Amino acid sequence: MSSAPRYIHHVNFPTTDADRTADWYTKVFGMKRIMPKSNTRVVLMTRGTFDLHFTPVEEMERMAPYHFAVEVDDWDDFLDHLKDLGIRHTRPIQRPENQSKFCYIHDPDHTMIELVWHSKRPN
């Protein structure tokens, strides 16, 4: 038996509109909404390899600089995908130490999401 954590199962963020949030994460990241069998209002989203949960709130507090990061497989393809959806992103930056790239987007509740790509990340 190991006392080391295996992985992060999910993170939970607030949302002011559960259906809008579920639709946005489905379109942007190809996530699927899981309808809970318990008596909960939490929006459960999965991609299979990672899960996000969203708790409905009446009013949103400012989240920045807090954020989460999502690694993408194809940088240019994902930025084209965002453009097709009309989602703006910050200016992409390339890190000189490893040629990785990153930029930021915001979901409809202004939760900040860092998009990351590593050209030499092992599979």
Protein backbone atom coordinates (compact mmCIF):
# COMPACT_ATOMS: atom_id res chain seq x y z
CA MET A 1 0.00 0.00 0.00
CA SER A 2 1.29 3.45 -0.92
CA SER A 3 0.57 6.69 0.88
CA ALA A 4 1.30 8.71 -2.27
CA PRO A 5 -1.68 10.22 -4.11
CA ARG A 6 -2.49 8.58 -7.43
CA TYR A 7 -3.75 11.67 -9.35
CA ILE A 8 -6.15 14.58 -9.06
CA HIS A 9 -9.63 13.16 -9.59
CA HIS A 10 -11.39 16.49 -10.22
CA VAL A 11 -11.49 20.14 -9.32
CA ASN A 12 -14.63 22.09 -8.47
CA PHE A 13 -15.43 25.65 -9.53
CA PRO A 14 -18.46 27.90 -9.10
CA THR A 15 -20.91 28.58 -11.92
CA THR A 16 -23.81 31.01 -12.22
CA ASP A 17 -25.50 29.00 -14.99
CA ALA A 18 -25.17 25.21 -14.90
CA ASP A 19 -26.50 24.50 -18.40
CA ARG A 20 -24.43 27.26 -20.03
CA THR A 21 -21.32 25.92 -18.30
CA ALA A 22 -22.03 22.32 -19.38
CA ASP A 23 -22.62 23.42 -22.98
CA TRP A 24 -19.41 25.52 -23.05
CA TYR A 25 -17.14 22.75 -21.70
CA THR A 26 -18.75 20.27 -24.10
CA LYS A 27 -18.03 22.52 -27.11
CA VAL A 28 -14.55 23.65 -26.07
CA PHE A 29 -13.04 20.51 -24.54
CA GLY A 30 -15.34 17.72 -25.77
CA MET A 31 -16.45 16.93 -22.23
CA LYS A 32 -19.59 14.99 -21.40
CA ARG A 33 -22.09 15.94 -18.71
CA ILE A 34 -22.84 13.17 -16.24
CA MET A 35 -26.22 13.43 -14.57
CA PRO A 36 -25.76 12.55 -10.88
CA LYS A 37 -27.95 9.89 -9.30
CA SER A 38 -27.76 11.61 -5.92
CA ASN A 39 -29.64 14.71 -4.85
CA THR A 40 -26.93 17.21 -5.82
CA ARG A 41 -26.94 20.38 -7.89
CA VAL A 42 -23.28 19.98 -8.83
CA VAL A 43 -22.57 19.84 -12.57
CA LEU A 44 -20.37 16.83 -13.27
CA MET A 45 -18.29 16.95 -16.46
CA THR A 46 -15.85 14.32 -17.70
CA ARG A 47 -13.39 13.89 -20.51
CA GLY A 48 -12.51 10.36 -19.42
CA THR A 49 -8.98 11.38 -18.46
CA PHE A 50 -10.03 14.30 -16.24
CA ASP A 51 -13.18 15.55 -14.55
CA LEU A 52 -14.44 19.02 -13.67
CA HIS A 53 -17.25 19.77 -11.24
CA PHE A 54 -19.17 23.04 -11.01
CA THR A 55 -21.24 24.15 -8.03
CA PRO A 56 -24.09 26.57 -8.82
CA VAL A 57 -23.83 29.92 -7.04
CA GLU A 58 -25.97 33.04 -7.16
CA GLU A 59 -23.09 35.45 -7.60
CA MET A 60 -19.60 34.90 -8.93
CA GLU A 61 -16.54 36.12 -7.07
CA ARG A 62 -13.44 37.14 -9.00
CA MET A 63 -11.29 34.05 -9.60
CA ALA A 64 -8.12 35.54 -11.15
CA PRO A 65 -5.26 34.77 -10.73
CA TYR A 66 -6.55 31.31 -9.75
CA HIS A 67 -6.81 28.97 -12.70
CA PHE A 68 -6.33 25.45 -13.98
CA ALA A 69 -4.32 24.32 -17.00
CA VAL A 70 -5.25 21.94 -19.80
CA GLU A 71 -2.61 20.32 -22.00
CA VAL A 72 -3.59 20.18 -25.69
CA ASP A 73 -2.22 17.73 -28.27
CA ASP A 74 -2.11 20.05 -31.30
CA TRP A 75 -1.51 23.74 -30.55
CA ASP A 76 -2.47 25.22 -33.91
CA ASP A 77 -5.51 22.95 -34.30
CA PHE A 78 -6.81 23.88 -30.85
CA LEU A 79 -6.37 27.61 -31.46
CA ASP A 80 -8.25 27.19 -34.76
CA HIS A 81 -10.99 25.37 -32.81
CA LEU A 82 -11.25 28.33 -30.42
CA LYS A 83 -11.43 30.75 -33.35
CA ASP A 84 -14.26 28.72 -34.91
CA LEU A 85 -16.14 28.94 -31.59
CA GLY A 86 -15.49 32.68 -31.28
CA ILE A 87 -13.48 32.23 -28.07
CA ARG A 88 -10.76 34.80 -27.52
CA HIS A 89 -7.42 33.94 -25.97
CA THR A 90 -4.44 35.88 -24.73
CA ARG A 91 -1.36 36.26 -26.86
CA PRO A 92 0.40 32.87 -27.00
CA ILE A 93 3.81 32.79 -25.36
CA GLN A 94 6.59 30.30 -26.05
CA ARG A 95 8.87 29.40 -23.17
CA PRO A 96 12.50 29.52 -24.36
CA GLU A 97 13.69 26.85 -21.91
CA ASN A 98 11.59 24.05 -23.45
CA GLN A 99 9.68 25.56 -26.43
CA SER A 100 6.36 24.86 -24.72
CA LYS A 101 3.51 27.28 -25.46
CA PHE A 102 0.72 28.70 -23.35
CA CYS A 103 -2.12 31.19 -23.41
CA TYR A 104 -5.27 31.83 -21.41
CA ILE A 105 -8.99 31.67 -22.09
CA HIS A 106 -11.99 32.31 -19.84
CA ASP A 107 -15.19 30.33 -19.50
CA PRO A 108 -18.58 32.13 -19.38
CA ASP A 109 -18.16 32.76 -15.62
CA HIS A 110 -14.66 34.18 -16.25
CA THR A 111 -12.85 31.18 -14.74
CA MET A 112 -9.33 31.43 -16.14
CA ILE A 113 -8.02 28.39 -18.04
CA GLU A 114 -4.41 28.09 -19.14
CA LEU A 115 -3.89 26.18 -22.38
CA VAL A 116 -0.50 24.45 -22.56
CA TRP A 117 1.35 22.58 -25.27
CA HIS A 118 4.71 20.79 -25.00
CA SER A 119 6.40 19.74 -28.22
CA LYS A 120 8.55 17.16 -26.46
CA ARG A 121 6.11 15.84 -23.83
CA PRO A 122 6.37 12.05 -23.59
CA ASN A 123 3.11 10.16 -24.18
